[in-house]
Amino acid sequence: MKRDITYHWHVRELMARNHYRSSKDLIEPLRERGITLSTVQVWRIIDQNPERIAFQVLVALADIFGVGVGELVTYTAADARTTRRKAAGSKDDVLNIRDYRPVRARIVPEND
């Protein structure tokens, strides 16, 4: 069965809690942990929900903020709803043209 997974990235909230005001403030703490990123790369990690992230960066962010990885990102998973299409040519899809055309009237003499 297909599952829909959504996640929420909490780096912005953790930055505010730890008094980091901009992405530039994280460059030096990341560099101290052996991760060299440009200001744009750090900004993307902070501002957007990352589709992919290096595990070293994830662990370094957890270390900088003093939290577990589970506090950096939370997720929910649910069964995906699937819609089924009717097969072409099924009886329900085919219209009966006789239902939509006028039928010629027959006049029958009345029998007394």
PDB file of N, CA and C in Angstrom:
ATOM      1  N   MET A   1       0.834  -1.170   0.000  1.00  0.00           N
ATOM      2  CA  MET A   1       0.000   0.000   0.000  1.00  0.00           C
ATOM      3  C   MET A   1       0.884   1.240   0.000  1.00  0.00           C
ATOM      4  N   LYS A   2       0.474   2.231  -0.750  1.00  0.00           N
ATOM      5  CA  LYS A   2       1.213   3.468  -0.859  1.00  0.00           C
ATOM      6  C   LYS A   2       1.010   4.323   0.387  1.00  0.00           C
ATOM      7  N   ARG A   3       2.078   5.023   0.811  1.00  0.00           N
ATOM      8  CA  ARG A   3       2.010   5.869   2.000  1.00  0.00           C
ATOM      9  C   ARG A   3       2.415   7.293   1.632  1.00  0.00           C
ATOM     10  N   ASP A   4       1.694   8.254   2.146  1.00  0.00           N
ATOM     11  CA  ASP A   4       2.051   9.660   2.003  1.00  0.00           C
ATOM     12  C   ASP A   4       2.823  10.080   3.240  1.00  0.00           C
ATOM     13  N   ILE A   5       4.005  10.635   3.019  1.00  0.00           N
ATOM     14  CA  ILE A   5       4.839  11.064   4.134  1.00  0.00           C
ATOM     15  C   ILE A   5       5.038  12.570   4.028  1.00  0.00           C
ATOM     16  N   THR A   6       4.739  13.263   5.108  1.00  0.00           N
ATOM     17  CA  THR A   6       4.981  14.696   5.173  1.00  0.00           C
ATOM     18  C   THR A   6       5.910  14.957   6.357  1.00  0.00           C
ATOM     19  N   TYR A   7       6.724  15.989   6.237  1.00  0.00           N
ATOM     20  CA  TYR A   7       7.650  16.292   7.326  1.00  0.00           C
ATOM     21  C   TYR A   7       7.707  17.793   7.556  1.00  0.00           C
ATOM     22  N   HIS A   8       8.116  18.145   8.752  1.00  0.00           N
ATOM     23  CA  HIS A   8       8.263  19.553   9.123  1.00  0.00           C
ATOM     24  C   HIS A   8       9.682  19.770   9.633  1.00  0.00           C
ATOM     25  N   TRP A   9      10.342  20.734   9.067  1.00  0.00           N
ATOM     26  CA  TRP A   9      11.732  21.046   9.366  1.00  0.00           C
ATOM     27  C   TRP A   9      11.742  22.154  10.423  1.00  0.00           C
ATOM     28  N   HIS A  10      12.346  21.929  11.575  1.00  0.00           N
ATOM     29  CA  HIS A  10      12.277  22.846  12.713  1.00  0.00           C
ATOM     30  C   HIS A  10      13.523  23.700  12.921  1.00  0.00           C
ATOM     31  N   VAL A  11      14.368  23.839  11.936  1.00  0.00           N
ATOM     32  CA  VAL A  11      15.632  24.562  12.112  1.00  0.00           C
ATOM     33  C   VAL A  11      15.390  26.031  12.451  1.00  0.00           C
ATOM     34  N   ARG A  12      14.423  26.656  11.791  1.00  0.00           N
ATOM     35  CA  ARG A  12      14.124  28.069  12.074  1.00  0.00           C
ATOM     36  C   ARG A  12      13.750  28.272  13.550  1.00  0.00           C
ATOM     37  N   GLU A  13      12.889  27.392  14.044  1.00  0.00           N
ATOM     38  CA  GLU A  13      12.451  27.501  15.443  1.00  0.00           C
ATOM     39  C   GLU A  13      13.633  27.308  16.395  1.00  0.00           C
ATOM     40  N   LEU A  14      14.481  26.341  16.087  1.00  0.00           N
ATOM     41  CA  LEU A  14      15.642  26.088  16.943  1.00  0.00           C
ATOM     42  C   LEU A  14      16.640  27.243  16.887  1.00  0.00           C
ATOM     43  N   MET A  15      16.761  27.854  15.724  1.00  0.00           N
ATOM     44  CA  MET A  15      17.638  29.030  15.609  1.00  0.00           C
ATOM     45  C   MET A  15      17.131  30.154  16.510  1.00  0.00           C
ATOM     46  N   ALA A  16      15.835  30.400  16.484  1.00  0.00           N
ATOM     47  CA  ALA A  16      15.262  31.470  17.303  1.00  0.00           C
ATOM     48  C   ALA A  16      15.457  31.184  18.793  1.00  0.00           C
ATOM     49  N   ARG A  17      15.257  29.917  19.174  1.00  0.00           N
ATOM     50  CA  ARG A  17      15.435  29.543  20.579  1.00  0.00           C
ATOM     51  C   ARG A  17      16.867  29.748  21.055  1.00  0.00           C
ATOM     52  N   ASN A  18      17.826  29.544  20.139  1.00  0.00           N
ATOM     53  CA  ASN A  18      19.248  29.652  20.487  1.00  0.00           C
ATOM     54  C   ASN A  18      19.856  30.995  20.086  1.00  0.00           C
ATOM     55  N   HIS A  19      19.008  31.962  19.764  1.00  0.00           N
ATOM     56  CA  HIS A  19      19.417  33.340  19.468  1.00  0.00           C
ATOM     57  C   HIS A  19      20.304  33.462  18.223  1.00  0.00           C
ATOM     58  N   TYR A  20      20.068  32.651  17.227  1.00  0.00           N
ATOM     59  CA  TYR A  20      20.711  32.820  15.927  1.00  0.00           C
ATOM     60  C   TYR A  20      19.754  33.632  15.070  1.00  0.00           C
ATOM     61  N   ARG A  21      20.243  34.744  14.531  1.00  0.00           N
ATOM     62  CA  ARG A  21      19.346  35.633  13.791  1.00  0.00           C
ATOM     63  C   ARG A  21      19.318  35.386  12.294  1.00  0.00           C
ATOM     64  N   SER A  22      20.420  34.944  11.709  1.00  0.00           N
ATOM     65  CA  SER A  22      20.449  34.740  10.259  1.00  0.00           C
ATOM     66  C   SER A  22      21.254  33.494   9.921  1.00  0.00           C
ATOM     67  N   SER A  23      21.231  33.150   8.655  1.00  0.00           N
ATOM     68  CA  SER A  23      21.969  31.970   8.204  1.00  0.00           C
ATOM     69  C   SER A  23      23.478  32.173   8.360  1.00  0.00           C
ATOM     70  N   LYS A  24      23.928  33.412   8.304  1.00  0.00           N
ATOM     71  CA  LYS A  24      25.358  33.692   8.458  1.00  0.00           C
ATOM     72  C   LYS A  24      25.862  33.300   9.841  1.00  0.00           C
ATOM     73  N   ASP A  25      24.978  33.336  10.828  1.00  0.00           N
ATOM     74  CA  ASP A  25      25.371  32.979  12.192  1.00  0.00           C
ATOM     75  C   ASP A  25      25.705  31.493  12.330  1.00  0.00           C
ATOM     76  N   LEU A  26      25.222  30.664  11.426  1.00  0.00           N
ATOM     77  CA  LEU A  26      25.478  29.222  11.495  1.00  0.00           C
ATOM     78  C   LEU A  26      26.729  28.782  10.746  1.00  0.00           C
ATOM     79  N   ILE A  27      27.278  29.647   9.922  1.00  0.00           N
ATOM     80  CA  ILE A  27      28.427  29.253   9.100  1.00  0.00           C
ATOM     81  C   ILE A  27      29.620  28.858   9.963  1.00  0.00           C
ATOM     82  N   GLU A  28      29.939  29.667  10.953  1.00  0.00           N
ATOM     83  CA  GLU A  28      31.102  29.369  11.801  1.00  0.00           C
ATOM     84  C   GLU A  28      30.891  28.115  12.668  1.00  0.00           C
ATOM     85  N   PRO A  29      29.736  27.946  13.336  1.00  0.00           N
ATOM     86  CA  PRO A  29      29.546  26.707  14.090  1.00  0.00           C
ATOM     87  C   PRO A  29      29.604  25.451  13.219  1.00  0.00           C
ATOM     88  N   LEU A  30      29.116  25.548  11.984  1.00  0.00           N
ATOM     89  CA  LEU A  30      29.227  24.406  11.066  1.00  0.00           C
ATOM     90  C   LEU A  30      30.686  24.162  10.692  1.00  0.00           C
ATOM     91  N   ARG A  31      31.429  25.244  10.456  1.00  0.00           N
ATOM     92  CA  ARG A  31      32.845  25.117  10.081  1.00  0.00           C
ATOM     93  C   ARG A  31      33.642  24.491  11.220  1.00  0.00           C
ATOM     94  N   GLU A  32      33.296  24.816  12.464  1.00  0.00           N
ATOM     95  CA  GLU A  32      33.974  24.217  13.624  1.00  0.00           C
ATOM     96  C   GLU A  32      33.761  22.706  13.688  1.00  0.00           C
ATOM     97  N   ARG A  33      32.683  22.240  13.069  1.00  0.00           N
ATOM     98  CA  ARG A  33      32.387  20.804  13.053  1.00  0.00           C
ATOM     99  C   ARG A  33      32.813  20.140  11.747  1.00  0.00           C
ATOM    100  N   GLY A  34      33.641  20.847  10.964  1.00  0.00           N
ATOM    101  CA  GLY A  34      34.205  20.277   9.743  1.00  0.00           C
ATOM    102  C   GLY A  34      33.315  20.364   8.521  1.00  0.00           C
ATOM    103  N   ILE A  35      32.314  21.222   8.546  1.00  0.00           N
ATOM    104  CA  ILE A  35      31.403  21.361   7.409  1.00  0.00           C
ATOM    105  C   ILE A  35      31.537  22.770   6.856  1.00  0.00           C
ATOM    106  N   THR A  36      31.984  22.851   5.605  1.00  0.00           N
ATOM    107  CA  THR A  36      32.147  24.144   4.952  1.00  0.00           C
ATOM    108  C   THR A  36      31.063  24.302   3.900  1.00  0.00           C
ATOM    109  N   LEU A  37      30.175  25.250   4.151  1.00  0.00           N
ATOM    110  CA  LEU A  37      29.085  25.547   3.224  1.00  0.00           C
ATOM    111  C   LEU A  37      29.067  27.037   2.938  1.00  0.00           C
ATOM    112  N   SER A  38      28.576  27.392   1.756  1.00  0.00           N
ATOM    113  CA  SER A  38      28.442  28.808   1.427  1.00  0.00           C
ATOM    114  C   SER A  38      27.217  29.375   2.140  1.00  0.00           C
ATOM    115  N   THR A  39      27.127  30.702   2.145  1.00  0.00           N
ATOM    116  CA  THR A  39      25.979  31.336   2.799  1.00  0.00           C
ATOM    117  C   THR A  39      24.669  30.945   2.119  1.00  0.00           C
ATOM    118  N   VAL A  40      24.704  30.785   0.806  1.00  0.00           N
ATOM    119  CA  VAL A  40      23.491  30.391   0.073  1.00  0.00           C
ATOM    120  C   VAL A  40      23.084  28.968   0.442  1.00  0.00           C
ATOM    121  N   GLN A  41      24.040  28.071   0.555  1.00  0.00           N
ATOM    122  CA  GLN A  41      23.722  26.696   0.934  1.00  0.00           C
ATOM    123  C   GLN A  41      23.136  26.628   2.339  1.00  0.00           C
ATOM    124  N   VAL A  42      23.698  27.378   3.263  1.00  0.00           N
ATOM    125  CA  VAL A  42      23.169  27.403   4.629  1.00  0.00           C
ATOM    126  C   VAL A  42      21.772  28.015   4.626  1.00  0.00           C
ATOM    127  N   TRP A  43      21.580  29.083   3.872  1.00  0.00           N
ATOM    128  CA  TRP A  43      20.266  29.711   3.771  1.00  0.00           C
ATOM    129  C   TRP A  43      19.227  28.721   3.248  1.00  0.00           C
ATOM    130  N   ARG A  44      19.579  27.936   2.222  1.00  0.00           N
ATOM    131  CA  ARG A  44      18.648  26.939   1.680  1.00  0.00           C
ATOM    132  C   ARG A  44      18.287  25.881   2.720  1.00  0.00           C
ATOM    133  N   ILE A  45      19.262  25.448   3.495  1.00  0.00           N
ATOM    134  CA  ILE A  45      18.996  24.449   4.542  1.00  0.00           C
ATOM    135  C   ILE A  45      18.027  25.014   5.578  1.00  0.00           C
ATOM    136  N   ILE A  46      18.176  26.284   5.884  1.00  0.00           N
ATOM    137  CA  ILE A  46      17.343  26.900   6.912  1.00  0.00           C
ATOM    138  C   ILE A  46      15.966  27.275   6.372  1.00  0.00           C
ATOM    139  N   ASP A  47      15.949  27.897   5.225  1.00  0.00           N
ATOM    140  CA  ASP A  47      14.712  28.501   4.721  1.00  0.00           C
ATOM    141  C   ASP A  47      13.762  27.500   4.061  1.00  0.00           C
ATOM    142  N   GLN A  48      14.276  26.447   3.477  1.00  0.00           N
ATOM    143  CA  GLN A  48      13.444  25.508   2.736  1.00  0.00           C
ATOM    144  C   GLN A  48      13.468  24.143   3.403  1.00  0.00           C
ATOM    145  N   ASN A  49      12.403  23.371   3.196  1.00  0.00           N
ATOM    146  CA  ASN A  49      12.422  21.980   3.646  1.00  0.00           C
ATOM    147  C   ASN A  49      13.340  21.216   2.702  1.00  0.00           C
ATOM    148  N   PRO A  50      14.460  20.715   3.197  1.00  0.00           N
ATOM    149  CA  PRO A  50      15.399  20.051   2.294  1.00  0.00           C
ATOM    150  C   PRO A  50      14.858  18.713   1.803  1.00  0.00           C
ATOM    151  N   GLU A  51      15.028  18.459   0.519  1.00  0.00           N
ATOM    152  CA  GLU A  51      14.652  17.164  -0.061  1.00  0.00           C
ATOM    153  C   GLU A  51      15.717  16.122   0.282  1.00  0.00           C
ATOM    154  N   ARG A  52      16.958  16.552   0.255  1.00  0.00           N
ATOM    155  CA  ARG A  52      18.102  15.684   0.625  1.00  0.00           C
ATOM    156  C   ARG A  52      19.018  16.512   1.506  1.00  0.00           C
ATOM    157  N   ILE A  53      19.595  15.839   2.490  1.00  0.00           N
ATOM    158  CA  ILE A  53      20.561  16.523   3.353  1.00  0.00           C
ATOM    159  C   ILE A  53      21.608  15.498   3.772  1.00  0.00           C
ATOM    160  N   ALA A  54      22.855  15.931   3.768  1.00  0.00           N
ATOM    161  CA  ALA A  54      23.935  15.045   4.191  1.00  0.00           C
ATOM    162  C   ALA A  54      23.768  14.738   5.672  1.00  0.00           C
ATOM    163  N   PHE A  55      24.024  13.497   6.015  1.00  0.00           N
ATOM    164  CA  PHE A  55      23.854  13.070   7.397  1.00  0.00           C
ATOM    165  C   PHE A  55      24.780  13.849   8.325  1.00  0.00           C
ATOM    166  N   GLN A  56      25.985  14.181   7.853  1.00  0.00           N
ATOM    167  CA  GLN A  56      26.927  14.955   8.673  1.00  0.00           C
ATOM    168  C   GLN A  56      26.362  16.342   8.992  1.00  0.00           C
ATOM    169  N   VAL A  57      25.687  16.948   8.031  1.00  0.00           N
ATOM    170  CA  VAL A  57      25.085  18.267   8.264  1.00  0.00           C
ATOM    171  C   VAL A  57      23.944  18.147   9.262  1.00  0.00           C
ATOM    172  N   LEU A  58      23.129  17.107   9.108  1.00  0.00           N
ATOM    173  CA  LEU A  58      22.005  16.883  10.020  1.00  0.00           C
ATOM    174  C   LEU A  58      22.491  16.713  11.466  1.00  0.00           C
ATOM    175  N   VAL A  59      23.512  15.889  11.638  1.00  0.00           N
ATOM    176  CA  VAL A  59      24.057  15.642  12.973  1.00  0.00           C
ATOM    177  C   VAL A  59      24.745  16.893  13.516  1.00  0.00           C
ATOM    178  N   ALA A  60      25.415  17.651  12.652  1.00  0.00           N
ATOM    179  CA  ALA A  60      26.070  18.880  13.099  1.00  0.00           C
ATOM    180  C   ALA A  60      25.036  19.896  13.577  1.00  0.00           C
ATOM    181  N   LEU A  61      23.922  20.022  12.866  1.00  0.00           N
ATOM    182  CA  LEU A  61      22.870  20.943  13.302  1.00  0.00           C
ATOM    183  C   LEU A  61      22.290  20.510  14.648  1.00  0.00           C
ATOM    184  N   ALA A  62      22.100  19.211  14.824  1.00  0.00           N
ATOM    185  CA  ALA A  62      21.604  18.704  16.105  1.00  0.00           C
ATOM    186  C   ALA A  62      22.590  19.032  17.222  1.00  0.00           C
ATOM    187  N   ASP A  63      23.888  18.920  16.939  1.00  0.00           N
ATOM    188  CA  ASP A  63      24.910  19.229  17.939  1.00  0.00           C
ATOM    189  C   ASP A  63      24.951  20.722  18.250  1.00  0.00           C
ATOM    190  N   ILE A  64      24.835  21.554  17.235  1.00  0.00           N
ATOM    191  CA  ILE A  64      24.862  23.007  17.429  1.00  0.00           C
ATOM    192  C   ILE A  64      23.719  23.443  18.340  1.00  0.00           C
ATOM    193  N   PHE A  65      22.530  22.906  18.103  1.00  0.00           N
ATOM    194  CA  PHE A  65      21.354  23.307  18.879  1.00  0.00           C
ATOM    195  C   PHE A  65      21.184  22.496  20.160  1.00  0.00           C
ATOM    196  N   GLY A  66      21.988  21.453  20.333  1.00  0.00           N
ATOM    197  CA  GLY A  66      21.897  20.640  21.537  1.00  0.00           C
ATOM    198  C   GLY A  66      20.618  19.833  21.638  1.00  0.00           C
ATOM    199  N   VAL A  67      20.152  19.319  20.482  1.00  0.00           N
ATOM    200  CA  VAL A  67      18.914  18.532  20.445  1.00  0.00           C
ATOM    201  C   VAL A  67      19.186  17.220  19.730  1.00  0.00           C
ATOM    202  N   GLY A  68      18.216  16.333  19.785  1.00  0.00           N
ATOM    203  CA  GLY A  68      18.303  15.105  19.014  1.00  0.00           C
ATOM    204  C   GLY A  68      17.829  15.340  17.594  1.00  0.00           C
ATOM    205  N   VAL A  69      18.180  14.439  16.718  1.00  0.00           N
ATOM    206  CA  VAL A  69      17.789  14.572  15.311  1.00  0.00           C
ATOM    207  C   VAL A  69      16.266  14.595  15.178  1.00  0.00           C
ATOM    208  N   GLY A  70      15.582  13.874  16.051  1.00  0.00           N
ATOM    209  CA  GLY A  70      14.121  13.845  16.021  1.00  0.00           C
ATOM    210  C   GLY A  70      13.473  15.182  16.316  1.00  0.00           C
ATOM    211  N   GLU A  71      14.223  16.089  16.931  1.00  0.00           N
ATOM    212  CA  GLU A  71      13.695  17.430  17.186  1.00  0.00           C
ATOM    213  C   GLU A  71      13.952  18.375  16.015  1.00  0.00           C
ATOM    214  N   LEU A  72      14.877  18.021  15.148  1.00  0.00           N
ATOM    215  CA  LEU A  72      15.123  18.834  13.956  1.00  0.00           C
ATOM    216  C   LEU A  72      14.032  18.633  12.910  1.00  0.00           C
ATOM    217  N   VAL A  73      13.555  17.417  12.817  1.00  0.00           N
ATOM    218  CA  VAL A  73      12.551  17.101  11.806  1.00  0.00           C
ATOM    219  C   VAL A  73      11.515  16.166  12.423  1.00  0.00           C
ATOM    220  N   THR A  74      10.243  16.473  12.172  1.00  0.00           N
ATOM    221  CA  THR A  74       9.164  15.578  12.573  1.00  0.00           C
ATOM    222  C   THR A  74       8.407  15.171  11.320  1.00  0.00           C
ATOM    223  N   TYR A  75       7.816  13.992  11.356  1.00  0.00           N
ATOM    224  CA  TYR A  75       7.117  13.522  10.166  1.00  0.00           C
ATOM    225  C   TYR A  75       5.820  12.826  10.544  1.00  0.00           C
ATOM    226  N   THR A  76       4.945  12.740   9.572  1.00  0.00           N
ATOM    227  CA  THR A  76       3.718  11.959   9.698  1.00  0.00           C
ATOM    228  C   THR A  76       3.596  11.106   8.452  1.00  0.00           C
ATOM    229  N   ALA A  77       3.074   9.927   8.639  1.00  0.00           N
ATOM    230  CA  ALA A  77       2.863   9.017   7.511  1.00  0.00           C
ATOM    231  C   ALA A  77       1.435   8.492   7.580  1.00  0.00           C
ATOM    232  N   ALA A  78       0.781   8.458   6.445  1.00  0.00           N
ATOM    233  CA  ALA A  78      -0.594   7.966   6.384  1.00  0.00           C
ATOM    234  C   ALA A  78      -0.785   7.199   5.085  1.00  0.00           C
ATOM    235  N   ASP A  79      -1.749   6.315   5.088  1.00  0.00           N
ATOM    236  CA  ASP A  79      -2.064   5.574   3.865  1.00  0.00           C
ATOM    237  C   ASP A  79      -2.568   6.544   2.806  1.00  0.00           C
ATOM    238  N   ALA A  80      -2.067   6.373   1.599  1.00  0.00           N
ATOM    239  CA  ALA A  80      -2.465   7.244   0.499  1.00  0.00           C
ATOM    240  C   ALA A  80      -3.834   6.816  -0.002  1.00  0.00           C
ATOM    241  N   ARG A  81      -4.620   7.792  -0.318  1.00  0.00           N
ATOM    242  CA  ARG A  81      -5.928   7.497  -0.894  1.00  0.00           C
ATOM    243  C   ARG A  81      -5.760   7.336  -2.384  1.00  0.00           C
ATOM    244  N   THR A  82      -6.299   6.280  -2.880  1.00  0.00           N
ATOM    245  CA  THR A  82      -6.217   6.054  -4.318  1.00  0.00           C
ATOM    246  C   THR A  82      -7.604   6.142  -4.917  1.00  0.00           C
ATOM    247  N   THR A  83      -7.666   6.726  -6.086  1.00  0.00           N
ATOM    248  CA  THR A  83      -8.932   6.794  -6.807  1.00  0.00           C
ATOM    249  C   THR A  83      -8.832   5.866  -7.997  1.00  0.00           C
ATOM    250  N   ARG A  84      -9.840   5.082  -8.138  1.00  0.00           N
ATOM    251  CA  ARG A  84      -9.840   4.156  -9.258  1.00  0.00           C
ATOM    252  C   ARG A  84     -10.689   4.714 -10.384  1.00  0.00           C
ATOM    253  N   ARG A  85     -10.194   4.559 -11.573  1.00  0.00           N
ATOM    254  CA  ARG A  85     -10.954   4.977 -12.746  1.00  0.00           C
ATOM    255  C   ARG A  85     -11.731   3.792 -13.270  1.00  0.00           C
ATOM    256  N   LYS A  86     -12.862   4.093 -13.815  1.00  0.00           N
ATOM    257  CA  LYS A  86     -13.644   3.031 -14.422  1.00  0.00           C
ATOM    258  C   LYS A  86     -12.976   2.618 -15.723  1.00  0.00           C
ATOM    259  N   ALA A  87     -13.042   1.353 -15.999  1.00  0.00           N
ATOM    260  CA  ALA A  87     -12.436   0.849 -17.227  1.00  0.00           C
ATOM    261  C   ALA A  87     -13.231   1.350 -18.423  1.00  0.00           C
ATOM    262  N   ALA A  88     -12.543   1.724 -19.465  1.00  0.00           N
ATOM    263  CA  ALA A  88     -13.223   2.188 -20.669  1.00  0.00           C
ATOM    264  C   ALA A  88     -14.034   1.037 -21.253  1.00  0.00           C
ATOM    265  N   GLY A  89     -15.229   1.359 -21.642  1.00  0.00           N
ATOM    266  CA  GLY A  89     -16.068   0.335 -22.248  1.00  0.00           C
ATOM    267  C   GLY A  89     -16.935  -0.405 -21.247  1.00  0.00           C
ATOM    268  N   SER A  90     -16.916   0.000 -19.993  1.00  0.00           N
ATOM    269  CA  SER A  90     -17.786  -0.672 -19.042  1.00  0.00           C
ATOM    270  C   SER A  90     -19.225  -0.220 -19.281  1.00  0.00           C
ATOM    271  N   LYS A  91     -20.174  -0.991 -18.820  1.00  0.00           N
ATOM    272  CA  LYS A  91     -21.582  -0.700 -19.083  1.00  0.00           C
ATOM    273  C   LYS A  91     -22.013   0.633 -18.500  1.00  0.00           C
ATOM    274  N   ASP A  92     -21.411   1.045 -17.418  1.00  0.00           N
ATOM    275  CA  ASP A  92     -21.793   2.306 -16.789  1.00  0.00           C
ATOM    276  C   ASP A  92     -21.369   3.515 -17.614  1.00  0.00           C
ATOM    277  N   ASP A  93     -20.295   3.396 -18.380  1.00  0.00           N
ATOM    278  CA  ASP A  93     -19.790   4.516 -19.160  1.00  0.00           C
ATOM    279  C   ASP A  93     -20.464   4.666 -20.517  1.00  0.00           C
ATOM    280  N   VAL A  94     -21.032   3.609 -21.045  1.00  0.00           N
ATOM    281  CA  VAL A  94     -21.604   3.643 -22.388  1.00  0.00           C
ATOM    282  C   VAL A  94     -23.024   4.167 -22.314  1.00  0.00           C
ATOM    283  N   LEU A  95     -23.293   5.190 -23.095  1.00  0.00           N
ATOM    284  CA  LEU A  95     -24.627   5.769 -23.126  1.00  0.00           C
ATOM    285  C   LEU A  95     -25.472   5.031 -24.151  1.00  0.00           C
ATOM    286  N   ASN A  96     -26.734   4.844 -23.847  1.00  0.00           N
ATOM    287  CA  ASN A  96     -27.657   4.243 -24.794  1.00  0.00           C
ATOM    288  C   ASN A  96     -28.277   5.369 -25.596  1.00  0.00           C
ATOM    289  N   ILE A  97     -27.937   5.432 -26.860  1.00  0.00           N
ATOM    290  CA  ILE A  97     -28.371   6.532 -27.716  1.00  0.00           C
ATOM    291  C   ILE A  97     -29.891   6.568 -27.860  1.00  0.00           C
ATOM    292  N   ARG A  98     -30.544   5.416 -27.710  1.00  0.00           N
ATOM    293  CA  ARG A  98     -32.007   5.372 -27.820  1.00  0.00           C
ATOM    294  C   ARG A  98     -32.678   6.173 -26.719  1.00  0.00           C
ATOM    295  N   ASP A  99     -32.012   6.345 -25.608  1.00  0.00           N
ATOM    296  CA  ASP A  99     -32.578   7.141 -24.517  1.00  0.00           C
ATOM    297  C   ASP A  99     -32.599   8.628 -24.839  1.00  0.00           C
ATOM    298  N   TYR A 100     -31.842   9.053 -25.830  1.00  0.00           N
ATOM    299  CA  TYR A 100     -31.721  10.471 -26.130  1.00  0.00           C
ATOM    300  C   TYR A 100     -32.308  10.878 -27.473  1.00  0.00           C
ATOM    301  N   ARG A 101     -32.751   9.932 -28.297  1.00  0.00           N
ATOM    302  CA  ARG A 101     -33.362  10.259 -29.581  1.00  0.00           C
ATOM    303  C   ARG A 101     -34.877  10.195 -29.463  1.00  0.00           C
ATOM    304  N   PRO A 102     -35.543  11.075 -30.181  1.00  0.00           N
ATOM    305  CA  PRO A 102     -37.005  10.970 -30.161  1.00  0.00           C
ATOM    306  C   PRO A 102     -37.450   9.687 -30.863  1.00  0.00           C
ATOM    307  N   VAL A 103     -38.507   9.130 -30.351  1.00  0.00           N
ATOM    308  CA  VAL A 103     -39.053   7.909 -30.940  1.00  0.00           C
ATOM    309  C   VAL A 103     -40.280   8.296 -31.746  1.00  0.00           C
ATOM    310  N   ARG A 104     -40.388   7.754 -32.982  1.00  0.00           N
ATOM    311  CA  ARG A 104     -41.512   8.071 -33.849  1.00  0.00           C
ATOM    312  C   ARG A 104     -42.796   7.535 -33.228  1.00  0.00           C
ATOM    313  N   ALA A 105     -43.765   8.392 -33.190  1.00  0.00           N
ATOM    314  CA  ALA A 105     -45.051   7.994 -32.604  1.00  0.00           C
ATOM    315  C   ALA A 105     -45.853   7.178 -33.609  1.00  0.00           C
ATOM    316  N   ARG A 106     -46.544   6.153 -33.104  1.00  0.00           N
ATOM    317  CA  ARG A 106     -47.461   5.387 -33.952  1.00  0.00           C
ATOM    318  C   ARG A 106     -48.882   5.713 -33.526  1.00  0.00           C
ATOM    319  N   ILE A 107     -49.659   6.023 -34.510  1.00  0.00           N
ATOM    320  CA  ILE A 107     -51.062   6.317 -34.215  1.00  0.00           C
ATOM    321  C   ILE A 107     -51.847   5.058 -34.468  1.00  0.00           C
ATOM    322  N   VAL A 108     -52.502   4.603 -33.451  1.00  0.00           N
ATOM    323  CA  VAL A 108     -53.259   3.360 -33.541  1.00  0.00           C
ATOM    324  C   VAL A 108     -54.747   3.720 -33.366  1.00  0.00           C
ATOM    325  N   PRO A 109     -55.570   3.198 -34.282  1.00  0.00           N
ATOM    326  CA  PRO A 109     -57.002   3.516 -34.146  1.00  0.00           C
ATOM    327  C   PRO A 109     -57.546   2.930 -32.846  1.00  0.00           C
ATOM    328  N   GLU A 110     -58.474   3.654 -32.275  1.00  0.00           N
ATOM    329  CA  GLU A 110     -59.073   3.229 -31.030  1.00  0.00           C
ATOM    330  C   GLU A 110     -60.109   2.162 -31.298  1.00  0.00           C
ATOM    331  N   ASN A 111     -60.065   1.081 -30.626  1.00  0.00           N
ATOM    332  CA  ASN A 111     -61.042   0.010 -30.802  1.00  0.00           C
ATOM    333  C   ASN A 111     -62.197   0.243 -29.842  1.00  0.00           C
ATOM    334  N   ASP A 112     -63.385   0.337 -30.418  1.00  0.00           N
ATOM    335  CA  ASP A 112     -64.576   0.550 -29.590  1.00  0.00           C
ATOM    336  C   ASP A 112     -65.126  -0.728 -29.094  1.00  0.00           C
TER     337      ASP A 112
END
